[in-house]
């Protein structure tokens, strides 16, 4: 895997861990986009004024005293990623996903297998419960297949249930799909979806915001939801209870200023969904046309990304 010096330095900052505490990765991602951001961080200078900055300053200062250890960790993880044919993209790179760059809690890097494309900016996440009903599976497949036929990239999380149905429908339509992993790129969870993951790499992409060797854990899946929301323009929730990860993603999507689409049957059956439509700005939909009509072209997303970068730099 070819890695630039700047990319390697970014990863070294992310490798800092002092007494179990890391420098806030989203803070690193935001500041690294400044032309002098990496150099400042390597001087233990955090320019951002935030709670995350206050907490991260002593960790950054202490961690930089052990640079050889950081380099060793980065080399080992890059070797692991190379072993499965993965590549690296960071916020330093122009080709970093445009939708993802628009959110404040963006990841500083992604490891990926397959191909990232600029037209993936016209994308929608299709999510729902792992314990999906037959009707939920059918609706997820229908919605994803119709989106795919309209050239929309279908995003989901590779979990069993709704996620699996969404990915398979996109592949069956011969279209693009992005699987956002809750593990490192060298792993597949659930293991039963290994063949599906391999199929996705052939005509879509697997992405992970974690170190390549990271196993699944309680904290990785909520963080996975951040990227699933961020890398798409909006999220369709098919089936979800009030305690599900899909509902958590719906909240994140609204926090990100993006669109939440809740299908009619979900709104009819779940009080939380009715509340999201009535009070929080979620959109009740009966068909895919109501979703695709609200999607922006990739060029408009790129323009918004450039404007967001300027706002980010002015905030630092």
C-alpha atoms as a PDB file:
ATOM      1  CA  UNK A   1       0.000   0.000   0.000  1.00  0.00           C
ATOM      2  CA  UNK A   2       1.341   3.409  -0.964  1.00  0.00           C
ATOM      3  CA  UNK A   3       1.075   5.897   1.885  1.00  0.00           C
ATOM      4  CA  UNK A   4       2.279   9.489   1.800  1.00  0.00           C
ATOM      5  CA  UNK A   5       4.296  11.040   4.607  1.00  0.00           C
ATOM      6  CA  UNK A   6       1.360  13.279   5.465  1.00  0.00           C
ATOM      7  CA  UNK A   7      -1.035  10.342   5.672  1.00  0.00           C
ATOM      8  CA  UNK A   8       1.397   8.473   7.904  1.00  0.00           C
ATOM      9  CA  UNK A   9       1.734  11.472  10.222  1.00  0.00           C
ATOM     10  CA  UNK A  10      -2.039  11.712  10.490  1.00  0.00           C
ATOM     11  CA  UNK A  11      -2.251   8.045  11.464  1.00  0.00           C
ATOM     12  CA  UNK A  12       0.475   8.519  14.075  1.00  0.00           C
ATOM     13  CA  UNK A  13      -1.623  11.204  15.758  1.00  0.00           C
ATOM     14  CA  UNK A  14      -4.575   8.822  15.772  1.00  0.00           C
ATOM     15  CA  UNK A  15      -2.385   6.135  17.352  1.00  0.00           C
ATOM     16  CA  UNK A  16      -1.769   8.250  20.465  1.00  0.00           C
ATOM     17  CA  UNK A  17      -3.235   6.620  23.558  1.00  0.00           C
ATOM     18  CA  UNK A  18      -2.261   7.663  27.083  1.00  0.00           C
ATOM     19  CA  UNK A  19      -3.728   5.821  30.071  1.00  0.00           C
ATOM     20  CA  UNK A  20      -6.477   4.484  27.841  1.00  0.00           C
ATOM     21  CA  UNK A  21      -7.376   7.919  26.428  1.00  0.00           C
ATOM     22  CA  UNK A  22      -6.914   9.008  22.810  1.00  0.00           C
ATOM     23  CA  UNK A  23      -6.779  12.411  21.189  1.00  0.00           C
ATOM     24  CA  UNK A  24     -10.266  13.099  19.827  1.00  0.00           C
ATOM     25  CA  UNK A  25     -10.159  11.722  16.279  1.00  0.00           C
ATOM     26  CA  UNK A  26     -12.753  14.128  14.895  1.00  0.00           C
ATOM     27  CA  UNK A  27     -10.732  17.019  16.277  1.00  0.00           C
ATOM     28  CA  UNK A  28      -7.680  15.666  14.441  1.00  0.00           C
ATOM     29  CA  UNK A  29      -9.756  15.408  11.268  1.00  0.00           C
ATOM     30  CA  UNK A  30     -11.019  18.974  11.537  1.00  0.00           C
ATOM     31  CA  UNK A  31      -7.649  20.565  12.282  1.00  0.00           C
ATOM     32  CA  UNK A  32      -5.732  18.450   9.772  1.00  0.00           C
ATOM     33  CA  UNK A  33      -7.662  20.119   6.941  1.00  0.00           C
ATOM     34  CA  UNK A  34      -5.954  23.420   7.765  1.00  0.00           C
ATOM     35  CA  UNK A  35      -2.788  23.895   5.658  1.00  0.00           C
ATOM     36  CA  UNK A  36      -0.661  24.025   8.829  1.00  0.00           C
ATOM     37  CA  UNK A  37      -2.905  21.773  10.894  1.00  0.00           C
ATOM     38  CA  UNK A  38      -0.700  18.683  11.001  1.00  0.00           C
ATOM     39  CA  UNK A  39       2.414  20.672  11.814  1.00  0.00           C
ATOM     40  CA  UNK A  40       0.581  22.433  14.636  1.00  0.00           C
ATOM     41  CA  UNK A  41      -0.633  19.133  16.070  1.00  0.00           C
ATOM     42  CA  UNK A  42       2.886  17.716  16.015  1.00  0.00           C
ATOM     43  CA  UNK A  43       3.915  20.716  18.070  1.00  0.00           C
ATOM     44  CA  UNK A  44       1.103  19.836  20.509  1.00  0.00           C
ATOM     45  CA  UNK A  45      -0.813  22.925  19.390  1.00  0.00           C
ATOM     46  CA  UNK A  46      -4.571  22.524  19.118  1.00  0.00           C
ATOM     47  CA  UNK A  47      -6.106  25.617  17.581  1.00  0.00           C
ATOM     48  CA  UNK A  48      -9.728  24.643  18.072  1.00  0.00           C
ATOM     49  CA  UNK A  49     -11.621  26.027  21.046  1.00  0.00           C
ATOM     50  CA  UNK A  50     -13.885  23.250  22.268  1.00  0.00           C
ATOM     51  CA  UNK A  51     -14.402  20.744  25.061  1.00  0.00           C
ATOM     52  CA  UNK A  52     -12.721  18.111  22.891  1.00  0.00           C
ATOM     53  CA  UNK A  53      -9.682  20.372  22.516  1.00  0.00           C
ATOM     54  CA  UNK A  54      -9.401  20.936  26.267  1.00  0.00           C
ATOM     55  CA  UNK A  55      -9.532  17.220  26.946  1.00  0.00           C
ATOM     56  CA  UNK A  56      -7.144  16.323  24.132  1.00  0.00           C
ATOM     57  CA  UNK A  57      -4.295  18.788  24.763  1.00  0.00           C
ATOM     58  CA  UNK A  58      -2.596  16.925  27.652  1.00  0.00           C
ATOM     59  CA  UNK A  59      -3.064  13.584  25.885  1.00  0.00           C
ATOM     60  CA  UNK A  60      -1.486  14.951  22.714  1.00  0.00           C
ATOM     61  CA  UNK A  61       1.490  16.422  24.575  1.00  0.00           C
ATOM     62  CA  UNK A  62       2.158  13.194  26.454  1.00  0.00           C
ATOM     63  CA  UNK A  63       1.685  10.952  23.446  1.00  0.00           C
ATOM     64  CA  UNK A  64       4.080  12.832  21.186  1.00  0.00           C
ATOM     65  CA  UNK A  65       6.922  11.934  23.546  1.00  0.00           C
ATOM     66  CA  UNK A  66       6.644   8.338  22.312  1.00  0.00           C
ATOM     67  CA  UNK A  67       6.708   8.827  18.559  1.00  0.00           C
ATOM     68  CA  UNK A  68       8.588   5.544  17.788  1.00  0.00           C
ATOM     69  CA  UNK A  69       5.796   3.577  19.468  1.00  0.00           C
ATOM     70  CA  UNK A  70       3.205   5.406  17.385  1.00  0.00           C
ATOM     71  CA  UNK A  71       5.117   4.698  14.197  1.00  0.00           C
ATOM     72  CA  UNK A  72       5.376   1.018  15.083  1.00  0.00           C
ATOM     73  CA  UNK A  73       1.600   0.760  15.576  1.00  0.00           C
ATOM     74  CA  UNK A  74       0.908   2.496  12.274  1.00  0.00           C
ATOM     75  CA  UNK A  75       3.321   0.263  10.335  1.00  0.00           C
ATOM     76  CA  UNK A  76       1.724  -2.870  11.765  1.00  0.00           C
ATOM     77  CA  UNK A  77      -1.795  -1.728  10.890  1.00  0.00           C
ATOM     78  CA  UNK A  78      -0.797  -0.701   7.368  1.00  0.00           C
ATOM     79  CA  UNK A  79       0.763  -4.109   6.812  1.00  0.00           C
ATOM     80  CA  UNK A  80      -2.434  -5.793   7.987  1.00  0.00           C
ATOM     81  CA  UNK A  81      -4.499  -3.655   5.605  1.00  0.00           C
ATOM     82  CA  UNK A  82      -2.157  -4.409   2.721  1.00  0.00           C
ATOM     83  CA  UNK A  83      -2.564  -8.098   3.435  1.00  0.00           C
ATOM     84  CA  UNK A  84      -6.233  -7.967   2.421  1.00  0.00           C
ATOM     85  CA  UNK A  85      -5.724  -5.576  -0.486  1.00  0.00           C
ATOM     86  CA  UNK A  86      -7.143  -2.549   1.321  1.00  0.00           C
ATOM     87  CA  UNK A  87      -6.303   1.064   0.577  1.00  0.00           C
ATOM     88  CA  UNK A  88      -6.276   4.240   2.654  1.00  0.00           C
ATOM     89  CA  UNK A  89      -7.944   7.609   2.203  1.00  0.00           C
ATOM     90  CA  UNK A  90      -7.783  10.510   4.658  1.00  0.00           C
ATOM     91  CA  UNK A  91      -9.215  13.983   5.156  1.00  0.00           C
ATOM     92  CA  UNK A  92      -5.965  15.248   3.614  1.00  0.00           C
ATOM     93  CA  UNK A  93      -6.983  13.741   0.268  1.00  0.00           C
ATOM     94  CA  UNK A  94      -9.237  15.405  -2.295  1.00  0.00           C
ATOM     95  CA  UNK A  95     -11.051  12.119  -2.963  1.00  0.00           C
ATOM     96  CA  UNK A  96     -12.229  11.747   0.639  1.00  0.00           C
ATOM     97  CA  UNK A  97     -16.011  11.128   0.373  1.00  0.00           C
ATOM     98  CA  UNK A  98     -17.725  14.478  -0.149  1.00  0.00           C
ATOM     99  CA  UNK A  99     -20.829  13.747   1.944  1.00  0.00           C
ATOM    100  CA  UNK A 100     -18.704  12.584   4.850  1.00  0.00           C
ATOM    101  CA  UNK A 101     -16.631  15.744   4.870  1.00  0.00           C
ATOM    102  CA  UNK A 102     -19.793  17.743   5.606  1.00  0.00           C
ATOM    103  CA  UNK A 103     -20.330  16.382   9.130  1.00  0.00           C
ATOM    104  CA  UNK A 104     -18.508  17.769  12.201  1.00  0.00           C
ATOM    105  CA  UNK A 105     -17.637  14.361  13.692  1.00  0.00           C
ATOM    106  CA  UNK A 106     -16.006  13.023  10.551  1.00  0.00           C
ATOM    107  CA  UNK A 107     -13.362  10.266  10.798  1.00  0.00           C
ATOM    108  CA  UNK A 108      -9.784  11.276   9.948  1.00  0.00           C
ATOM    109  CA  UNK A 109      -9.261   8.222   7.759  1.00  0.00           C
ATOM    110  CA  UNK A 110     -10.974   5.314   6.049  1.00  0.00           C
ATOM    111  CA  UNK A 111      -9.540   1.985   5.009  1.00  0.00           C
ATOM    112  CA  UNK A 112     -11.444   0.530   2.094  1.00  0.00           C
ATOM    113  CA  UNK A 113     -11.669  -2.397  -0.305  1.00  0.00           C
ATOM    114  CA  UNK A 114     -13.189  -1.886  -3.712  1.00  0.00           C
ATOM    115  CA  UNK A 115     -13.483   1.489  -5.409  1.00  0.00           C
ATOM    116  CA  UNK A 116     -14.605   4.851  -4.071  1.00  0.00           C
ATOM    117  CA  UNK A 117     -16.236   7.036  -6.714  1.00  0.00           C
ATOM    118  CA  UNK A 118     -17.182  10.683  -6.812  1.00  0.00           C
ATOM    119  CA  UNK A 119     -20.696   9.847  -8.032  1.00  0.00           C
ATOM    120  CA  UNK A 120     -21.247   7.880  -4.813  1.00  0.00           C
ATOM    121  CA  UNK A 121     -22.152  11.294  -3.391  1.00  0.00           C
ATOM    122  CA  UNK A 122     -25.648  10.627  -4.747  1.00  0.00           C
ATOM    123  CA  UNK A 123     -26.309   7.991  -2.126  1.00  0.00           C
ATOM    124  CA  UNK A 124     -28.887   6.940   0.445  1.00  0.00           C
ATOM    125  CA  UNK A 125     -28.498   4.645   3.432  1.00  0.00           C
ATOM    126  CA  UNK A 126     -31.115   1.917   3.854  1.00  0.00           C
ATOM    127  CA  UNK A 127     -31.137   0.580   7.406  1.00  0.00           C
ATOM    128  CA  UNK A 128     -33.224  -1.305   9.911  1.00  0.00           C
ATOM    129  CA  UNK A 129     -33.324  -4.029  12.492  1.00  0.00           C
ATOM    130  CA  UNK A 130     -31.319  -7.239  12.398  1.00  0.00           C
ATOM    131  CA  UNK A 131     -34.457  -9.116  13.491  1.00  0.00           C
ATOM    132  CA  UNK A 132     -36.357  -8.104  10.399  1.00  0.00           C
ATOM    133  CA  UNK A 133     -39.780  -9.415   9.440  1.00  0.00           C
ATOM    134  CA  UNK A 134     -40.418 -10.930   6.025  1.00  0.00           C
ATOM    135  CA  UNK A 135     -42.273  -7.761   5.072  1.00  0.00           C
ATOM    136  CA  UNK A 136     -39.334  -5.640   6.237  1.00  0.00           C
ATOM    137  CA  UNK A 137     -36.911  -7.680   4.130  1.00  0.00           C
ATOM    138  CA  UNK A 138     -39.210  -7.328   1.135  1.00  0.00           C
ATOM    139  CA  UNK A 139     -39.558  -3.565   1.566  1.00  0.00           C
ATOM    140  CA  UNK A 140     -35.805  -3.087   2.027  1.00  0.00           C
ATOM    141  CA  UNK A 141     -35.067  -5.060  -1.128  1.00  0.00           C
ATOM    142  CA  UNK A 142     -37.719  -3.210  -3.142  1.00  0.00           C
ATOM    143  CA  UNK A 143     -36.620   0.240  -1.977  1.00  0.00           C
ATOM    144  CA  UNK A 144     -32.919  -0.511  -2.540  1.00  0.00           C
ATOM    145  CA  UNK A 145     -33.500  -2.074  -5.933  1.00  0.00           C
ATOM    146  CA  UNK A 146     -35.517   0.901  -7.156  1.00  0.00           C
ATOM    147  CA  UNK A 147     -32.930   3.350  -5.854  1.00  0.00           C
ATOM    148  CA  UNK A 148     -30.201   1.385  -7.599  1.00  0.00           C
ATOM    149  CA  UNK A 149     -32.125   1.469 -10.877  1.00  0.00           C
ATOM    150  CA  UNK A 150     -32.130   5.277 -10.616  1.00  0.00           C
ATOM    151  CA  UNK A 151     -28.362   5.385 -10.226  1.00  0.00           C
ATOM    152  CA  UNK A 152     -28.412   5.998  -6.467  1.00  0.00           C
ATOM    153  CA  UNK A 153     -25.658   4.313  -4.459  1.00  0.00           C
ATOM    154  CA  UNK A 154     -27.168   2.230  -1.647  1.00  0.00           C
ATOM    155  CA  UNK A 155     -25.366   2.452   1.698  1.00  0.00           C
ATOM    156  CA  UNK A 156     -25.844   0.081   4.611  1.00  0.00           C
ATOM    157  CA  UNK A 157     -23.965  -1.597   7.450  1.00  0.00           C
ATOM    158  CA  UNK A 158     -23.510  -5.258   6.347  1.00  0.00           C
ATOM    159  CA  UNK A 159     -25.520  -6.504   9.337  1.00  0.00           C
ATOM    160  CA  UNK A 160     -27.990  -9.345   8.968  1.00  0.00           C
ATOM    161  CA  UNK A 161     -31.614  -8.489   8.299  1.00  0.00           C
ATOM    162  CA  UNK A 162     -32.427  -5.182   6.603  1.00  0.00           C
ATOM    163  CA  UNK A 163     -28.794  -4.296   5.811  1.00  0.00           C
ATOM    164  CA  UNK A 164     -28.174  -7.596   4.032  1.00  0.00           C
ATOM    165  CA  UNK A 165     -31.363  -7.243   1.986  1.00  0.00           C
ATOM    166  CA  UNK A 166     -30.395  -3.697   0.948  1.00  0.00           C
ATOM    167  CA  UNK A 167     -26.907  -4.669  -0.220  1.00  0.00           C
ATOM    168  CA  UNK A 168     -28.111  -7.752  -2.101  1.00  0.00           C
ATOM    169  CA  UNK A 169     -30.842  -5.839  -3.915  1.00  0.00           C
ATOM    170  CA  UNK A 170     -28.336  -3.238  -5.121  1.00  0.00           C
ATOM    171  CA  UNK A 171     -25.971  -5.948  -6.324  1.00  0.00           C
ATOM    172  CA  UNK A 172     -28.820  -7.800  -8.057  1.00  0.00           C
ATOM    173  CA  UNK A 173     -29.615  -4.561  -9.902  1.00  0.00           C
ATOM    174  CA  UNK A 174     -25.998  -4.360 -11.065  1.00  0.00           C
ATOM    175  CA  UNK A 175     -25.523  -1.137  -9.134  1.00  0.00           C
ATOM    176  CA  UNK A 176     -23.248   0.425  -6.556  1.00  0.00           C
ATOM    177  CA  UNK A 177     -23.444  -0.290  -2.845  1.00  0.00           C
ATOM    178  CA  UNK A 178     -21.291   0.837   0.086  1.00  0.00           C
ATOM    179  CA  UNK A 179     -20.956  -1.338   3.185  1.00  0.00           C
ATOM    180  CA  UNK A 180     -19.843   0.559   6.283  1.00  0.00           C
ATOM    181  CA  UNK A 181     -18.154  -1.892   8.635  1.00  0.00           C
ATOM    182  CA  UNK A 182     -18.347  -2.008  12.409  1.00  0.00           C
ATOM    183  CA  UNK A 183     -14.912  -3.651  12.486  1.00  0.00           C
ATOM    184  CA  UNK A 184     -11.499  -3.169  10.962  1.00  0.00           C
ATOM    185  CA  UNK A 185     -11.167  -3.772   7.219  1.00  0.00           C
ATOM    186  CA  UNK A 186      -9.409  -7.116   7.766  1.00  0.00           C
ATOM    187  CA  UNK A 187     -12.519  -8.565   9.440  1.00  0.00           C
ATOM    188  CA  UNK A 188     -16.112  -9.341   8.523  1.00  0.00           C
ATOM    189  CA  UNK A 189     -19.004  -9.209  10.953  1.00  0.00           C
ATOM    190  CA  UNK A 190     -21.191 -11.154  10.885  1.00  0.00           C
ATOM    191  CA  UNK A 191     -18.991 -13.879   9.447  1.00  0.00           C
ATOM    192  CA  UNK A 192     -22.012 -15.264   7.587  1.00  0.00           C
ATOM    193  CA  UNK A 193     -21.811 -12.213   5.303  1.00  0.00           C
ATOM    194  CA  UNK A 194     -18.252 -12.885   4.161  1.00  0.00           C
ATOM    195  CA  UNK A 195     -19.369 -13.876   0.648  1.00  0.00           C
ATOM    196  CA  UNK A 196     -21.591 -10.793   0.463  1.00  0.00           C
ATOM    197  CA  UNK A 197     -18.688  -8.578   1.517  1.00  0.00           C
ATOM    198  CA  UNK A 198     -16.483 -10.054  -1.190  1.00  0.00           C
ATOM    199  CA  UNK A 199     -19.204  -9.489  -3.798  1.00  0.00           C
ATOM    200  CA  UNK A 200     -19.498  -5.859  -2.724  1.00  0.00           C
ATOM    201  CA  UNK A 201     -15.782  -5.267  -3.307  1.00  0.00           C
ATOM    202  CA  UNK A 202     -16.240  -6.268  -6.954  1.00  0.00           C
ATOM    203  CA  UNK A 203     -18.830  -3.583  -7.784  1.00  0.00           C
ATOM    204  CA  UNK A 204     -18.923  -1.337  -4.742  1.00  0.00           C
ATOM    205  CA  UNK A 205     -16.809  -0.695  -1.693  1.00  0.00           C
ATOM    206  CA  UNK A 206     -16.306  -1.773   1.912  1.00  0.00           C
ATOM    207  CA  UNK A 207     -15.225   1.076   4.198  1.00  0.00           C
ATOM    208  CA  UNK A 208     -14.003   1.129   7.784  1.00  0.00           C
ATOM    209  CA  UNK A 209     -13.133   4.049  10.034  1.00  0.00           C
ATOM    210  CA  UNK A 210     -11.264   1.790  12.480  1.00  0.00           C
ATOM    211  CA  UNK A 211      -7.758   0.397  12.664  1.00  0.00           C
ATOM    212  CA  UNK A 212      -7.595  -2.542  10.215  1.00  0.00           C
ATOM    213  CA  UNK A 213      -7.267  -5.184  12.939  1.00  0.00           C
ATOM    214  CA  UNK A 214     -10.058  -3.818  15.168  1.00  0.00           C
ATOM    215  CA  UNK A 215     -12.566  -6.468  16.314  1.00  0.00           C
ATOM    216  CA  UNK A 216     -16.286  -5.811  16.750  1.00  0.00           C
ATOM    217  CA  UNK A 217     -17.206  -4.235  20.078  1.00  0.00           C
ATOM    218  CA  UNK A 218     -19.986  -2.337  21.832  1.00  0.00           C
ATOM    219  CA  UNK A 219     -18.540   1.027  20.818  1.00  0.00           C
ATOM    220  CA  UNK A 220     -17.689   0.247  17.182  1.00  0.00           C
ATOM    221  CA  UNK A 221     -21.256  -0.167  15.962  1.00  0.00           C
ATOM    222  CA  UNK A 222     -22.585   3.175  17.255  1.00  0.00           C
ATOM    223  CA  UNK A 223     -19.543   4.822  15.670  1.00  0.00           C
ATOM    224  CA  UNK A 224     -20.256   2.905  12.460  1.00  0.00           C
ATOM    225  CA  UNK A 225     -23.670   4.601  12.394  1.00  0.00           C
ATOM    226  CA  UNK A 226     -21.956   8.007  12.261  1.00  0.00           C
ATOM    227  CA  UNK A 227     -20.194   7.109   9.014  1.00  0.00           C
ATOM    228  CA  UNK A 228     -23.266   5.389   7.549  1.00  0.00           C
ATOM    229  CA  UNK A 229     -25.138   8.638   8.095  1.00  0.00           C
ATOM    230  CA  UNK A 230     -22.280  10.870   7.044  1.00  0.00           C
ATOM    231  CA  UNK A 231     -21.329   9.142   3.809  1.00  0.00           C
ATOM    232  CA  UNK A 232     -24.877   9.376   2.425  1.00  0.00           C
ATOM    233  CA  UNK A 233     -27.257  12.259   1.722  1.00  0.00           C
ATOM    234  CA  UNK A 234     -30.017  10.742   3.795  1.00  0.00           C
ATOM    235  CA  UNK A 235     -31.216   7.572   5.474  1.00  0.00           C
ATOM    236  CA  UNK A 236     -34.297   5.427   4.897  1.00  0.00           C
ATOM    237  CA  UNK A 237     -35.366   3.490   7.983  1.00  0.00           C
ATOM    238  CA  UNK A 238     -37.362   0.362   7.119  1.00  0.00           C
ATOM    239  CA  UNK A 239     -37.981  -1.336  10.483  1.00  0.00           C
ATOM    240  CA  UNK A 240     -36.693  -0.203  13.881  1.00  0.00           C
ATOM    241  CA  UNK A 241     -37.768  -0.272  17.502  1.00  0.00           C
ATOM    242  CA  UNK A 242     -37.209   2.615  19.892  1.00  0.00           C
ATOM    243  CA  UNK A 243     -33.991   0.987  21.173  1.00  0.00           C
ATOM    244  CA  UNK A 244     -32.470  -0.085  17.854  1.00  0.00           C
ATOM    245  CA  UNK A 245     -29.300   1.113  16.188  1.00  0.00           C
ATOM    246  CA  UNK A 246     -31.375   2.224  13.204  1.00  0.00           C
ATOM    247  CA  UNK A 247     -33.277   4.675  15.393  1.00  0.00           C
ATOM    248  CA  UNK A 248     -29.918   5.894  16.734  1.00  0.00           C
ATOM    249  CA  UNK A 249     -28.815   6.495  13.174  1.00  0.00           C
ATOM    250  CA  UNK A 250     -31.992   8.441  12.447  1.00  0.00           C
ATOM    251  CA  UNK A 251     -31.101  10.755  15.324  1.00  0.00           C
ATOM    252  CA  UNK A 252     -27.544  11.138  14.020  1.00  0.00           C
ATOM    253  CA  UNK A 253     -28.813  11.916  10.522  1.00  0.00           C
ATOM    254  CA  UNK A 254     -30.938  14.755  11.857  1.00  0.00           C
ATOM    255  CA  UNK A 255     -28.003  16.003  13.944  1.00  0.00           C
ATOM    256  CA  UNK A 256     -25.933  16.019  10.753  1.00  0.00           C
ATOM    257  CA  UNK A 257     -28.552  18.178   9.026  1.00  0.00           C
ATOM    258  CA  UNK A 258     -29.412  15.418   6.574  1.00  0.00           C
ATOM    259  CA  UNK A 259     -32.738  13.839   5.628  1.00  0.00           C
ATOM    260  CA  UNK A 260     -34.428  10.990   7.485  1.00  0.00           C
ATOM    261  CA  UNK A 261     -36.988   9.054   5.450  1.00  0.00           C
ATOM    262  CA  UNK A 262     -39.331   6.810   7.428  1.00  0.00           C
ATOM    263  CA  UNK A 263     -41.505   4.411   5.455  1.00  0.00           C
ATOM    264  CA  UNK A 264     -45.243   4.565   6.022  1.00  0.00           C
ATOM    265  CA  UNK A 265     -45.551   1.198   7.800  1.00  0.00           C
ATOM    266  CA  UNK A 266     -42.863   2.196  10.322  1.00  0.00           C
ATOM    267  CA  UNK A 267     -44.604   5.485  11.115  1.00  0.00           C
ATOM    268  CA  UNK A 268     -47.898   3.646  11.521  1.00  0.00           C
ATOM    269  CA  UNK A 269     -46.446   1.089  13.951  1.00  0.00           C
ATOM    270  CA  UNK A 270     -43.801   2.952  15.995  1.00  0.00           C
ATOM    271  CA  UNK A 271     -44.513   5.936  18.290  1.00  0.00           C
ATOM    272  CA  UNK A 272     -40.918   7.139  18.030  1.00  0.00           C
ATOM    273  CA  UNK A 273     -41.260   7.322  14.238  1.00  0.00           C
ATOM    274  CA  UNK A 274     -44.467   9.357  14.475  1.00  0.00           C
ATOM    275  CA  UNK A 275     -42.692  11.685  16.884  1.00  0.00           C
ATOM    276  CA  UNK A 276     -39.766  12.091  14.483  1.00  0.00           C
ATOM    277  CA  UNK A 277     -42.148  12.994  11.649  1.00  0.00           C
ATOM    278  CA  UNK A 278     -44.316  15.296  13.720  1.00  0.00           C
ATOM    279  CA  UNK A 279     -41.684  17.093  15.773  1.00  0.00           C
ATOM    280  CA  UNK A 280     -38.173  16.503  14.421  1.00  0.00           C
ATOM    281  CA  UNK A 281     -38.435  16.947  10.674  1.00  0.00           C
ATOM    282  CA  UNK A 282     -38.261  13.360   9.467  1.00  0.00           C
ATOM    283  CA  UNK A 283     -40.108  12.661   6.211  1.00  0.00           C
ATOM    284  CA  UNK A 284     -42.730   9.934   5.863  1.00  0.00           C
ATOM    285  CA  UNK A 285     -42.481   8.224   2.473  1.00  0.00           C
ATOM    286  CA  UNK A 286     -44.495   5.636   0.584  1.00  0.00           C
ATOM    287  CA  UNK A 287     -42.197   5.184  -2.402  1.00  0.00           C
ATOM    288  CA  UNK A 288     -38.696   5.704  -3.725  1.00  0.00           C
ATOM    289  CA  UNK A 289     -39.629   8.696  -5.887  1.00  0.00           C
ATOM    290  CA  UNK A 290     -40.188  10.765  -2.749  1.00  0.00           C
ATOM    291  CA  UNK A 291     -36.602  10.002  -1.748  1.00  0.00           C
ATOM    292  CA  UNK A 292     -34.760  10.404  -5.051  1.00  0.00           C
ATOM    293  CA  UNK A 293     -36.495  13.723  -5.755  1.00  0.00           C
ATOM    294  CA  UNK A 294     -34.711  15.251  -2.755  1.00  0.00           C
ATOM    295  CA  UNK A 295     -31.188  14.108  -3.627  1.00  0.00           C
ATOM    296  CA  UNK A 296     -28.548  16.523  -4.848  1.00  0.00           C
ATOM    297  CA  UNK A 297     -26.229  15.869  -7.767  1.00  0.00           C
ATOM    298  CA  UNK A 298     -22.594  14.986  -6.896  1.00  0.00           C
ATOM    299  CA  UNK A 299     -21.454  18.380  -8.190  1.00  0.00           C
ATOM    300  CA  UNK A 300     -23.666  20.207  -5.695  1.00  0.00           C
ATOM    301  CA  UNK A 301     -22.355  18.032  -2.879  1.00  0.00           C
ATOM    302  CA  UNK A 302     -18.787  18.883  -3.901  1.00  0.00           C
ATOM    303  CA  UNK A 303     -19.609  22.612  -3.830  1.00  0.00           C
ATOM    304  CA  UNK A 304     -21.158  22.246  -0.375  1.00  0.00           C
ATOM    305  CA  UNK A 305     -18.061  20.384   0.782  1.00  0.00           C
ATOM    306  CA  UNK A 306     -15.778  23.177  -0.349  1.00  0.00           C
ATOM    307  CA  UNK A 307     -17.931  25.718   1.477  1.00  0.00           C
ATOM    308  CA  UNK A 308     -17.912  23.547   4.605  1.00  0.00           C
ATOM    309  CA  UNK A 309     -14.106  23.331   4.525  1.00  0.00           C
ATOM    310  CA  UNK A 310     -13.921  27.111   4.479  1.00  0.00           C
ATOM    311  CA  UNK A 311     -16.280  27.313   7.461  1.00  0.00           C
ATOM    312  CA  UNK A 312     -14.221  24.705   9.309  1.00  0.00           C
ATOM    313  CA  UNK A 313     -11.001  26.611   8.768  1.00  0.00           C
ATOM    314  CA  UNK A 314     -12.597  29.855   9.955  1.00  0.00           C
ATOM    315  CA  UNK A 315     -13.770  28.078  13.140  1.00  0.00           C
ATOM    316  CA  UNK A 316     -10.326  26.750  14.061  1.00  0.00           C
END
